Amino acid sequence: MLRKNLSKHNGFEFYRQAAGSHEIWYNPKTNRFTTVPNHSGDMPEGTLRAILKQADIDIDDILK
């Protein structure tokens, strides 16, 4: 769900595979990168908040 929100609504695109099960996403409009874990199961709230902060996305935009 997070990857879908990053790409569809916020202009991010998959950039490359990172170490282990992580992915690097890039937004060409804002020139921002963010690292997203690609694990099964739920993501801890703190991890989600850190990703959104790194991507400069307001959490309220995701919850809509």
Protein backbone atom coordinates (compact mmCIF):
# COMPACT_ATOMS: atom_id res chain seq x y z
CA MET A 1 0.00 0.00 0.00
CA LEU A 2 2.78 2.44 0.86
CA ARG A 3 4.58 1.84 -2.44
CA LYS A 4 1.31 2.43 -4.30
CA ASN A 5 0.78 5.73 -2.45
CA LEU A 6 4.35 6.83 -3.10
CA SER A 7 4.13 6.22 -6.81
CA LYS A 8 0.54 7.00 -7.71
CA HIS A 9 -0.15 10.05 -5.55
CA ASN A 10 3.23 11.52 -4.69
CA GLY A 11 5.36 11.21 -7.83
CA PHE A 12 7.88 8.66 -6.55
CA GLU A 13 9.22 5.93 -8.79
CA PHE A 14 11.20 2.81 -8.02
CA TYR A 15 14.88 3.72 -8.31
CA ARG A 16 16.82 0.59 -7.30
CA GLN A 17 17.02 -2.39 -5.00
CA ALA A 18 18.98 -1.66 -1.83
CA ALA A 19 20.63 -3.96 0.69
CA GLY A 20 18.55 -6.90 1.81
CA SER A 21 14.84 -6.43 1.37
CA HIS A 22 14.82 -2.65 1.01
CA GLU A 23 14.02 -0.48 -2.01
CA ILE A 24 15.12 3.04 -2.89
CA TRP A 25 12.39 5.29 -4.33
CA TYR A 26 13.02 8.66 -6.03
CA ASN A 27 10.84 11.66 -6.79
CA PRO A 28 12.23 13.59 -9.78
CA LYS A 29 10.05 16.64 -9.07
CA THR A 30 11.33 17.14 -5.51
CA ASN A 31 14.72 15.43 -5.99
CA ARG A 32 14.05 13.34 -2.85
CA PHE A 33 14.97 9.73 -2.14
CA THR A 34 13.38 7.46 0.45
CA THR A 35 14.15 3.91 1.55
CA VAL A 36 11.22 1.53 1.89
CA PRO A 37 11.43 -1.94 3.47
CA ASN A 38 9.91 -4.72 1.40
CA HIS A 39 8.89 -7.09 4.23
CA SER A 40 5.77 -9.12 4.70
CA GLY A 41 3.48 -8.14 7.56
CA ASP A 42 2.70 -4.83 9.15
CA MET A 43 5.15 -1.95 9.20
CA PRO A 44 5.85 -0.40 12.61
CA GLU A 45 4.34 3.08 13.02
CA GLY A 46 7.72 4.67 13.68
CA THR A 47 9.13 3.24 10.45
CA LEU A 48 6.16 4.54 8.48
CA ARG A 49 6.51 8.01 10.00
CA ALA A 50 10.25 8.05 9.21
CA ILE A 51 9.61 7.11 5.56
CA LEU A 52 6.93 9.78 5.21
CA LYS A 53 9.17 12.40 6.82
CA GLN A 54 12.03 11.46 4.49
CA ALA A 55 9.65 11.75 1.51
CA ASP A 56 8.16 15.03 2.82
CA ILE A 57 4.63 13.58 2.87
CA ASP A 58 2.08 14.53 5.50
CA ILE A 59 0.66 11.47 7.25
CA ASP A 60 -2.85 12.93 6.89
CA ASP A 61 -2.45 12.68 3.10
CA ILE A 62 -1.89 8.93 3.44
CA LEU A 63 -4.83 8.42 5.81
CA LYS A 64 -7.34 10.03 3.43
